Amino acid sequence: LEAVGSGDPIDPSSFKQPDRKTYRGRATAIVRPGRAGE
């Protein structure tokens, strides 16, 4: 998991945490192949 987001303009949550409050019924996870350093 590289990052998460929702597009909510007033949500100051970190993009690096695995949890995200939905905005307009949606939240997005960005997935990256492999692991850091590999």
PDB file of all heavy atoms in Angstrom:
ATOM      1  N   LEU A   1       0.856  -1.172   0.000  1.00  0.00           N
ATOM      2  CA  LEU A   1       0.000   0.000   0.000  1.00  0.00           C
ATOM      3  C   LEU A   1       0.899   1.230   0.000  1.00  0.00           C
ATOM      4  O   LEU A   1       1.676   1.435   0.920  1.00  0.00           O
ATOM      5  CB  LEU A   1      -0.899  -0.009   1.240  1.00  0.00           C
ATOM      6  CG  LEU A   1      -1.887   1.136   1.394  1.00  0.00           C
ATOM      7  CD1 LEU A   1      -2.903   1.126   0.260  1.00  0.00           C
ATOM      8  CD2 LEU A   1      -2.598   1.035   2.739  1.00  0.00           C
ATOM      9  N   GLU A   2       0.801   2.036  -1.046  1.00  0.00           N
ATOM     10  CA  GLU A   2       1.634   3.235  -1.158  1.00  0.00           C
ATOM     11  C   GLU A   2       0.983   4.430  -0.480  1.00  0.00           C
ATOM     12  O   GLU A   2       1.650   5.198   0.198  1.00  0.00           O
ATOM     13  CB  GLU A   2       1.910   3.551  -2.631  1.00  0.00           C
ATOM     14  CG  GLU A   2       2.783   4.752  -2.842  1.00  0.00           C
ATOM     15  CD  GLU A   2       4.183   4.608  -2.244  1.00  0.00           C
ATOM     16  OE1 GLU A   2       4.688   3.474  -2.114  1.00  0.00           O
ATOM     17  OE2 GLU A   2       4.772   5.645  -1.899  1.00  0.00           O
ATOM     18  N   ALA A   3      -0.318   4.613  -0.675  1.00  0.00           N
ATOM     19  CA  ALA A   3      -1.011   5.759  -0.091  1.00  0.00           C
ATOM     20  C   ALA A   3      -2.508   5.530  -0.130  1.00  0.00           C
ATOM     21  O   ALA A   3      -2.998   4.648  -0.837  1.00  0.00           O
ATOM     22  CB  ALA A   3      -0.663   7.028  -0.863  1.00  0.00           C
ATOM     23  N   VAL A   4      -3.230   6.334   0.661  1.00  0.00           N
ATOM     24  CA  VAL A   4      -4.690   6.336   0.636  1.00  0.00           C
ATOM     25  C   VAL A   4      -5.174   7.776   0.559  1.00  0.00           C
ATOM     26  O   VAL A   4      -4.463   8.702   0.946  1.00  0.00           O
ATOM     27  CB  VAL A   4      -5.306   5.637   1.875  1.00  0.00           C
ATOM     28  CG1 VAL A   4      -4.922   4.173   1.928  1.00  0.00           C
ATOM     29  CG2 VAL A   4      -4.924   6.354   3.148  1.00  0.00           C
ATOM     30  N   GLY A   5      -6.373   7.949   0.048  1.00  0.00           N
ATOM     31  CA  GLY A   5      -6.948   9.288  -0.038  1.00  0.00           C
ATOM     32  C   GLY A   5      -8.435   9.176  -0.287  1.00  0.00           C
ATOM     33  O   GLY A   5      -8.963   8.084  -0.507  1.00  0.00           O
ATOM     34  N   SER A   6      -9.104  10.331  -0.245  1.00  0.00           N
ATOM     35  CA  SER A   6     -10.543  10.329  -0.504  1.00  0.00           C
ATOM     36  C   SER A   6     -10.987  11.542  -1.308  1.00  0.00           C
ATOM     37  O   SER A   6     -12.123  11.594  -1.747  1.00  0.00           O
ATOM     38  CB  SER A   6     -11.325  10.286   0.815  1.00  0.00           C
ATOM     39  OG  SER A   6     -11.160  11.503   1.517  1.00  0.00           O
ATOM     40  N   GLY A   7     -10.144  12.526  -1.452  1.00  0.00           N
ATOM     41  CA  GLY A   7     -10.525  13.748  -2.140  1.00  0.00           C
ATOM     42  C   GLY A   7     -11.222  14.736  -1.234  1.00  0.00           C
ATOM     43  O   GLY A   7     -11.622  15.810  -1.676  1.00  0.00           O
ATOM     44  N   ASP A   8     -11.370  14.415   0.054  1.00  0.00           N
ATOM     45  CA  ASP A   8     -12.025  15.316   0.994  1.00  0.00           C
ATOM     46  C   ASP A   8     -11.130  16.522   1.248  1.00  0.00           C
ATOM     47  O   ASP A   8     -10.031  16.381   1.786  1.00  0.00           O
ATOM     48  CB  ASP A   8     -12.309  14.577   2.301  1.00  0.00           C
ATOM     49  CG  ASP A   8     -13.101  15.402   3.297  1.00  0.00           C
ATOM     50  OD1 ASP A   8     -13.215  16.631   3.114  1.00  0.00           O
ATOM     51  OD2 ASP A   8     -13.604  14.805   4.263  1.00  0.00           O
ATOM     52  N   PRO A   9     -11.582  17.724   0.883  1.00  0.00           N
ATOM     53  CA  PRO A   9     -10.727  18.901   1.031  1.00  0.00           C
ATOM     54  C   PRO A   9     -10.506  19.352   2.473  1.00  0.00           C
ATOM     55  O   PRO A   9      -9.625  20.184   2.724  1.00  0.00           O
ATOM     56  CB  PRO A   9     -11.475  19.977   0.235  1.00  0.00           C
ATOM     57  CG  PRO A   9     -12.897  19.551   0.274  1.00  0.00           C
ATOM     58  CD  PRO A   9     -12.861  18.046   0.277  1.00  0.00           C
ATOM     59  N   ILE A  10     -11.285  18.824   3.436  1.00  0.00           N
ATOM     60  CA  ILE A  10     -11.093  19.243   4.826  1.00  0.00           C
ATOM     61  C   ILE A  10     -10.550  18.129   5.719  1.00  0.00           C
ATOM     62  O   ILE A  10     -10.484  18.284   6.928  1.00  0.00           O
ATOM     63  CB  ILE A  10     -12.401  19.812   5.427  1.00  0.00           C
ATOM     64  CG1 ILE A  10     -13.513  18.770   5.417  1.00  0.00           C
ATOM     65  CG2 ILE A  10     -12.814  21.085   4.711  1.00  0.00           C
ATOM     66  CD1 ILE A  10     -14.765  19.191   6.178  1.00  0.00           C
ATOM     67  N   ASP A  11     -10.127  17.011   5.140  1.00  0.00           N
ATOM     68  CA  ASP A  11      -9.589  15.895   5.917  1.00  0.00           C
ATOM     69  C   ASP A  11      -8.060  15.992   5.940  1.00  0.00           C
ATOM     70  O   ASP A  11      -7.413  15.787   4.913  1.00  0.00           O
ATOM     71  CB  ASP A  11     -10.023  14.565   5.313  1.00  0.00           C
ATOM     72  CG  ASP A  11      -9.592  13.363   6.141  1.00  0.00           C
ATOM     73  OD1 ASP A  11      -8.866  13.539   7.147  1.00  0.00           O
ATOM     74  OD2 ASP A  11      -9.975  12.242   5.779  1.00  0.00           O
ATOM     75  N   PRO A  12      -7.475  16.285   7.114  1.00  0.00           N
ATOM     76  CA  PRO A  12      -6.025  16.436   7.190  1.00  0.00           C
ATOM     77  C   PRO A  12      -5.268  15.134   7.441  1.00  0.00           C
ATOM     78  O   PRO A  12      -4.074  15.144   7.694  1.00  0.00           O
ATOM     79  CB  PRO A  12      -5.857  17.382   8.384  1.00  0.00           C
ATOM     80  CG  PRO A  12      -6.979  16.971   9.303  1.00  0.00           C
ATOM     81  CD  PRO A  12      -8.128  16.618   8.376  1.00  0.00           C
ATOM     82  N   SER A  13      -5.937  13.992   7.351  1.00  0.00           N
ATOM     83  CA  SER A  13      -5.307  12.699   7.644  1.00  0.00           C
ATOM     84  C   SER A  13      -4.107  12.427   6.750  1.00  0.00           C
ATOM     85  O   SER A  13      -4.048  12.867   5.604  1.00  0.00           O
ATOM     86  CB  SER A  13      -6.321  11.568   7.459  1.00  0.00           C
ATOM     87  OG  SER A  13      -7.444  11.760   8.262  1.00  0.00           O
ATOM     88  N   SER A  14      -3.193  11.629   7.273  1.00  0.00           N
ATOM     89  CA  SER A  14      -1.994  11.236   6.533  1.00  0.00           C
ATOM     90  C   SER A  14      -2.356  10.317   5.367  1.00  0.00           C
ATOM     91  O   SER A  14      -3.205   9.438   5.492  1.00  0.00           O
ATOM     92  CB  SER A  14      -1.026  10.508   7.462  1.00  0.00           C
ATOM     93  OG  SER A  14       0.024   9.924   6.720  1.00  0.00           O
ATOM     94  N   PHE A  15      -1.685  10.525   4.249  1.00  0.00           N
ATOM     95  CA  PHE A  15      -1.868   9.649   3.086  1.00  0.00           C
ATOM     96  C   PHE A  15      -1.171   8.306   3.287  1.00  0.00           C
ATOM     97  O   PHE A  15      -1.383   7.382   2.525  1.00  0.00           O
ATOM     98  CB  PHE A  15      -1.324  10.315   1.819  1.00  0.00           C
ATOM     99  CG  PHE A  15      -2.069  11.556   1.437  1.00  0.00           C
ATOM    100  CD1 PHE A  15      -1.447  12.797   1.457  1.00  0.00           C
ATOM    101  CD2 PHE A  15      -3.398  11.500   1.058  1.00  0.00           C
ATOM    102  CE1 PHE A  15      -2.133  13.942   1.107  1.00  0.00           C
ATOM    103  CE2 PHE A  15      -4.098  12.644   0.710  1.00  0.00           C
ATOM    104  CZ  PHE A  15      -3.457  13.873   0.736  1.00  0.00           C
ATOM    105  N   LYS A  16      -0.323   8.208   4.295  1.00  0.00           N
ATOM    106  CA  LYS A  16       0.465   6.999   4.512  1.00  0.00           C
ATOM    107  C   LYS A  16      -0.172   6.013   5.487  1.00  0.00           C
ATOM    108  O   LYS A  16       0.364   4.940   5.717  1.00  0.00           O
ATOM    109  CB  LYS A  16       1.874   7.369   5.011  1.00  0.00           C
ATOM    110  CG  LYS A  16       2.730   8.013   3.939  1.00  0.00           C
ATOM    111  CD  LYS A  16       2.978   7.039   2.815  1.00  0.00           C
ATOM    112  CE  LYS A  16       4.052   7.501   1.862  1.00  0.00           C
ATOM    113  NZ  LYS A  16       4.306   6.502   0.841  1.00  0.00           N
ATOM    114  N   GLN A  17      -1.305   6.360   6.081  1.00  0.00           N
ATOM    115  CA  GLN A  17      -1.997   5.453   6.986  1.00  0.00           C
ATOM    116  C   GLN A  17      -2.967   4.570   6.193  1.00  0.00           C
ATOM    117  O   GLN A  17      -3.485   5.003   5.171  1.00  0.00           O
ATOM    118  CB  GLN A  17      -2.743   6.241   8.061  1.00  0.00           C
ATOM    119  CG  GLN A  17      -1.833   7.076   8.941  1.00  0.00           C
ATOM    120  CD  GLN A  17      -0.811   6.234   9.655  1.00  0.00           C
ATOM    121  OE1 GLN A  17      -1.143   5.201  10.251  1.00  0.00           O
ATOM    122  NE2 GLN A  17       0.440   6.636   9.599  1.00  0.00           N
ATOM    123  N   PRO A  18      -3.248   3.363   6.657  1.00  0.00           N
ATOM    124  CA  PRO A  18      -4.121   2.460   5.897  1.00  0.00           C
ATOM    125  C   PRO A  18      -5.618   2.740   6.040  1.00  0.00           C
ATOM    126  O   PRO A  18      -6.425   2.107   5.375  1.00  0.00           O
ATOM    127  CB  PRO A  18      -3.784   1.082   6.463  1.00  0.00           C
ATOM    128  CG  PRO A  18      -3.358   1.371   7.872  1.00  0.00           C
ATOM    129  CD  PRO A  18      -2.646   2.699   7.817  1.00  0.00           C
ATOM    130  N   ASP A  19      -5.990   3.682   6.904  1.00  0.00           N
ATOM    131  CA  ASP A  19      -7.400   3.976   7.152  1.00  0.00           C
ATOM    132  C   ASP A  19      -7.755   5.337   6.573  1.00  0.00           C
ATOM    133  O   ASP A  19      -6.982   6.290   6.683  1.00  0.00           O
ATOM    134  CB  ASP A  19      -7.694   3.990   8.651  1.00  0.00           C
ATOM    135  CG  ASP A  19      -7.257   2.712   9.336  1.00  0.00           C
ATOM    136  OD1 ASP A  19      -7.473   1.640   8.752  1.00  0.00           O
ATOM    137  OD2 ASP A  19      -6.697   2.793  10.439  1.00  0.00           O
ATOM    138  N   ARG A  20      -8.983   5.429   6.002  1.00  0.00           N
ATOM    139  CA  ARG A  20      -9.404   6.705   5.426  1.00  0.00           C
ATOM    140  C   ARG A  20     -10.909   6.850   5.518  1.00  0.00           C
ATOM    141  O   ARG A  20     -11.654   5.931   5.172  1.00  0.00           O
ATOM    142  CB  ARG A  20      -8.987   6.779   3.950  1.00  0.00           C
ATOM    143  CG  ARG A  20      -9.054   8.150   3.371  1.00  0.00           C
ATOM    144  CD  ARG A  20      -8.154   9.084   4.156  1.00  0.00           C
ATOM    145  NE  ARG A  20      -7.930  10.324   3.466  1.00  0.00           N
ATOM    146  CZ  ARG A  20      -6.838  11.030   3.611  1.00  0.00           C
ATOM    147  NH1 ARG A  20      -5.878  10.617   4.416  1.00  0.00           N
ATOM    148  NH2 ARG A  20      -6.697  12.156   2.994  1.00  0.00           N
ATOM    149  N   LYS A  21     -11.346   8.008   5.985  1.00  0.00           N
ATOM    150  CA  LYS A  21     -12.768   8.336   6.003  1.00  0.00           C
ATOM    151  C   LYS A  21     -13.200   8.534   4.553  1.00  0.00           C
ATOM    152  O   LYS A  21     -12.504   9.163   3.769  1.00  0.00           O
ATOM    153  CB  LYS A  21     -12.985   9.623   6.802  1.00  0.00           C
ATOM    154  CG  LYS A  21     -14.423  10.080   6.853  1.00  0.00           C
ATOM    155  CD  LYS A  21     -14.560  11.356   7.663  1.00  0.00           C
ATOM    156  CE  LYS A  21     -13.969  12.514   6.893  1.00  0.00           C
ATOM    157  NZ  LYS A  21     -14.254  13.819   7.456  1.00  0.00           N
ATOM    158  N   THR A  22     -14.353   7.983   4.203  1.00  0.00           N
ATOM    159  CA  THR A  22     -14.836   8.139   2.837  1.00  0.00           C
ATOM    160  C   THR A  22     -15.331   9.560   2.608  1.00  0.00           C
ATOM    161  O   THR A  22     -15.712  10.257   3.554  1.00  0.00           O
ATOM    162  CB  THR A  22     -15.974   7.145   2.513  1.00  0.00           C
ATOM    163  OG1 THR A  22     -17.047   7.366   3.427  1.00  0.00           O
ATOM    164  CG2 THR A  22     -15.488   5.713   2.596  1.00  0.00           C
ATOM    165  N   TYR A  23     -15.311   9.968   1.376  1.00  0.00           N
ATOM    166  CA  TYR A  23     -15.835  11.266   0.968  1.00  0.00           C
ATOM    167  C   TYR A  23     -16.704  11.028  -0.249  1.00  0.00           C
ATOM    168  O   TYR A  23     -16.262  10.427  -1.234  1.00  0.00           O
ATOM    169  CB  TYR A  23     -14.694  12.224   0.642  1.00  0.00           C
ATOM    170  CG  TYR A  23     -15.142  13.600   0.212  1.00  0.00           C
ATOM    171  CD1 TYR A  23     -15.816  14.437   1.086  1.00  0.00           C
ATOM    172  CD2 TYR A  23     -14.885  14.057  -1.069  1.00  0.00           C
ATOM    173  CE1 TYR A  23     -16.222  15.703   0.697  1.00  0.00           C
ATOM    174  CE2 TYR A  23     -15.287  15.322  -1.468  1.00  0.00           C
ATOM    175  CZ  TYR A  23     -15.954  16.139  -0.576  1.00  0.00           C
ATOM    176  OH  TYR A  23     -16.356  17.386  -0.968  1.00  0.00           O
ATOM    177  N   ARG A  24     -17.959  11.442  -0.149  1.00  0.00           N
ATOM    178  CA  ARG A  24     -18.935  11.192  -1.205  1.00  0.00           C
ATOM    179  C   ARG A  24     -19.022   9.694  -1.541  1.00  0.00           C
ATOM    180  O   ARG A  24     -19.147   9.299  -2.700  1.00  0.00           O
ATOM    181  CB  ARG A  24     -18.646  12.035  -2.421  1.00  0.00           C
ATOM    182  CG  ARG A  24     -18.780  13.511  -2.113  1.00  0.00           C
ATOM    183  CD  ARG A  24     -18.615  14.380  -3.297  1.00  0.00           C
ATOM    184  NE  ARG A  24     -18.831  15.773  -2.888  1.00  0.00           N
ATOM    185  CZ  ARG A  24     -18.608  16.797  -3.675  1.00  0.00           C
ATOM    186  NH1 ARG A  24     -18.176  16.628  -4.901  1.00  0.00           N
ATOM    187  NH2 ARG A  24     -18.815  18.013  -3.235  1.00  0.00           N
ATOM    188  N   GLY A  25     -18.866   8.878  -0.486  1.00  0.00           N
ATOM    189  CA  GLY A  25     -19.025   7.433  -0.628  1.00  0.00           C
ATOM    190  C   GLY A  25     -17.816   6.685  -1.147  1.00  0.00           C
ATOM    191  O   GLY A  25     -17.915   5.498  -1.442  1.00  0.00           O
ATOM    192  N   ARG A  26     -16.653   7.377  -1.218  1.00  0.00           N
ATOM    193  CA  ARG A  26     -15.475   6.722  -1.801  1.00  0.00           C
ATOM    194  C   ARG A  26     -14.195   7.019  -1.018  1.00  0.00           C
ATOM    195  O   ARG A  26     -14.053   8.075  -0.423  1.00  0.00           O
ATOM    196  CB  ARG A  26     -15.269   7.200  -3.235  1.00  0.00           C
ATOM    197  CG  ARG A  26     -16.357   6.817  -4.190  1.00  0.00           C
ATOM    198  CD  ARG A  26     -16.088   7.420  -5.572  1.00  0.00           C
ATOM    199  NE  ARG A  26     -17.032   6.974  -6.560  1.00  0.00           N
ATOM    200  CZ  ARG A  26     -18.145   7.627  -6.874  1.00  0.00           C
ATOM    201  NH1 ARG A  26     -18.449   8.754  -6.273  1.00  0.00           N
ATOM    202  NH2 ARG A  26     -18.970   7.155  -7.792  1.00  0.00           N
ATOM    203  N   ALA A  27     -13.259   6.088  -1.101  1.00  0.00           N
ATOM    204  CA  ALA A  27     -11.886   6.265  -0.636  1.00  0.00           C
ATOM    205  C   ALA A  27     -11.004   5.469  -1.600  1.00  0.00           C
ATOM    206  O   ALA A  27     -11.450   4.476  -2.177  1.00  0.00           O
ATOM    207  CB  ALA A  27     -11.704   5.762   0.790  1.00  0.00           C
ATOM    208  N   THR A  28      -9.771   5.911  -1.778  1.00  0.00           N
ATOM    209  CA  THR A  28      -8.890   5.282  -2.765  1.00  0.00           C
ATOM    210  C   THR A  28      -7.595   4.785  -2.127  1.00  0.00           C
ATOM    211  O   THR A  28      -6.982   5.502  -1.339  1.00  0.00           O
ATOM    212  CB  THR A  28      -8.537   6.283  -3.890  1.00  0.00           C
ATOM    213  OG1 THR A  28      -9.749   6.729  -4.490  1.00  0.00           O
ATOM    214  CG2 THR A  28      -7.646   5.644  -4.946  1.00  0.00           C
ATOM    215  N   ALA A  29      -7.206   3.575  -2.503  1.00  0.00           N
ATOM    216  CA  ALA A  29      -5.905   3.015  -2.110  1.00  0.00           C
ATOM    217  C   ALA A  29      -5.020   2.987  -3.349  1.00  0.00           C
ATOM    218  O   ALA A  29      -5.464   2.587  -4.429  1.00  0.00           O
ATOM    219  CB  ALA A  29      -6.078   1.596  -1.564  1.00  0.00           C
ATOM    220  N   ILE A  30      -3.790   3.419  -3.181  1.00  0.00           N
ATOM    221  CA  ILE A  30      -2.819   3.359  -4.277  1.00  0.00           C
ATOM    222  C   ILE A  30      -1.865   2.219  -3.960  1.00  0.00           C
ATOM    223  O   ILE A  30      -1.232   2.184  -2.900  1.00  0.00           O
ATOM    224  CB  ILE A  30      -2.060   4.685  -4.431  1.00  0.00           C
ATOM    225  CG1 ILE A  30      -3.062   5.823  -4.673  1.00  0.00           C
ATOM    226  CG2 ILE A  30      -1.049   4.588  -5.572  1.00  0.00           C
ATOM    227  CD1 ILE A  30      -2.455   7.203  -4.629  1.00  0.00           C
ATOM    228  N   VAL A  31      -1.794   1.267  -4.887  1.00  0.00           N
ATOM    229  CA  VAL A  31      -1.026   0.043  -4.688  1.00  0.00           C
ATOM    230  C   VAL A  31       0.187   0.046  -5.621  1.00  0.00           C
ATOM    231  O   VAL A  31       0.063   0.369  -6.801  1.00  0.00           O
ATOM    232  CB  VAL A  31      -1.923  -1.191  -4.953  1.00  0.00           C
ATOM    233  CG1 VAL A  31      -1.146  -2.478  -4.814  1.00  0.00           C
ATOM    234  CG2 VAL A  31      -3.128  -1.164  -4.020  1.00  0.00           C
ATOM    235  N   ARG A  32       1.348  -0.328  -5.051  1.00  0.00           N
ATOM    236  CA  ARG A  32       2.605  -0.352  -5.808  1.00  0.00           C
ATOM    237  C   ARG A  32       3.194  -1.768  -5.790  1.00  0.00           C
ATOM    238  O   ARG A  32       3.219  -2.406  -4.742  1.00  0.00           O
ATOM    239  CB  ARG A  32       3.599   0.618  -5.176  1.00  0.00           C
ATOM    240  CG  ARG A  32       4.930   0.704  -5.879  1.00  0.00           C
ATOM    241  CD  ARG A  32       5.943   1.575  -5.127  1.00  0.00           C
ATOM    242  NE  ARG A  32       5.514   2.941  -4.960  1.00  0.00           N
ATOM    243  CZ  ARG A  32       5.723   3.922  -5.849  1.00  0.00           C
ATOM    244  NH1 ARG A  32       6.331   3.663  -6.977  1.00  0.00           N
ATOM    245  NH2 ARG A  32       5.313   5.151  -5.598  1.00  0.00           N
ATOM    246  N   PRO A  33       3.683  -2.257  -6.927  1.00  0.00           N
ATOM    247  CA  PRO A  33       4.321  -3.583  -6.954  1.00  0.00           C
ATOM    248  C   PRO A  33       5.616  -3.600  -6.132  1.00  0.00           C
ATOM    249  O   PRO A  33       6.325  -2.597  -6.076  1.00  0.00           O
ATOM    250  CB  PRO A  33       4.647  -3.813  -8.431  1.00  0.00           C
ATOM    251  CG  PRO A  33       3.810  -2.840  -9.181  1.00  0.00           C
ATOM    252  CD  PRO A  33       3.614  -1.675  -8.269  1.00  0.00           C
ATOM    253  N   GLY A  34       5.908  -4.728  -5.528  1.00  0.00           N
ATOM    254  CA  GLY A  34       7.148  -4.902  -4.772  1.00  0.00           C
ATOM    255  C   GLY A  34       7.102  -4.222  -3.413  1.00  0.00           C
ATOM    256  O   GLY A  34       6.069  -3.742  -2.964  1.00  0.00           O
ATOM    257  N   ARG A  35       8.266  -4.183  -2.775  1.00  0.00           N
ATOM    258  CA  ARG A  35       8.415  -3.521  -1.477  1.00  0.00           C
ATOM    259  C   ARG A  35       9.599  -2.562  -1.579  1.00  0.00           C
ATOM    260  O   ARG A  35      10.494  -2.745  -2.402  1.00  0.00           O
ATOM    261  CB  ARG A  35       8.714  -4.548  -0.382  1.00  0.00           C
ATOM    262  CG  ARG A  35       7.684  -5.651  -0.290  1.00  0.00           C
ATOM    263  CD  ARG A  35       7.005  -5.640   1.062  1.00  0.00           C
ATOM    264  NE  ARG A  35       6.055  -6.710   1.253  1.00  0.00           N
ATOM    265  CZ  ARG A  35       4.858  -6.781   0.700  1.00  0.00           C
ATOM    266  NH1 ARG A  35       4.468  -5.885  -0.134  1.00  0.00           N
ATOM    267  NH2 ARG A  35       4.047  -7.771   0.959  1.00  0.00           N
ATOM    268  N   ALA A  36       9.607  -1.552  -0.737  1.00  0.00           N
ATOM    269  CA  ALA A  36      10.692  -0.565  -0.734  1.00  0.00           C
ATOM    270  C   ALA A  36      12.042  -1.270  -0.601  1.00  0.00           C
ATOM    271  O   ALA A  36      12.216  -2.139   0.249  1.00  0.00           O
ATOM    272  CB  ALA A  36      10.498   0.422   0.403  1.00  0.00           C
ATOM    273  N   GLY A  37      12.964  -0.922  -1.476  1.00  0.00           N
ATOM    274  CA  GLY A  37      14.299  -1.500  -1.440  1.00  0.00           C
ATOM    275  C   GLY A  37      14.430  -2.845  -2.125  1.00  0.00           C
ATOM    276  O   GLY A  37      15.519  -3.411  -2.179  1.00  0.00           O
ATOM    277  N   GLU A  38      13.337  -3.387  -2.643  1.00  0.00           N
ATOM    278  CA  GLU A  38      13.351  -4.680  -3.312  1.00  0.00           C
ATOM    279  C   GLU A  38      12.891  -4.525  -4.756  1.00  0.00           C
ATOM    280  O   GLU A  38      12.081  -3.668  -5.073  1.00  0.00           O
ATOM    281  CB  GLU A  38      12.413  -5.674  -2.620  1.00  0.00           C
ATOM    282  CG  GLU A  38      12.763  -5.982  -1.198  1.00  0.00           C
ATOM    283  CD  GLU A  38      11.735  -6.903  -0.546  1.00  0.00           C
ATOM    284  OE1 GLU A  38      10.856  -7.451  -1.263  1.00  0.00           O
ATOM    285  OE2 GLU A  38      11.790  -7.053   0.675  1.00  0.00           O
TER     286      GLU A  38
END
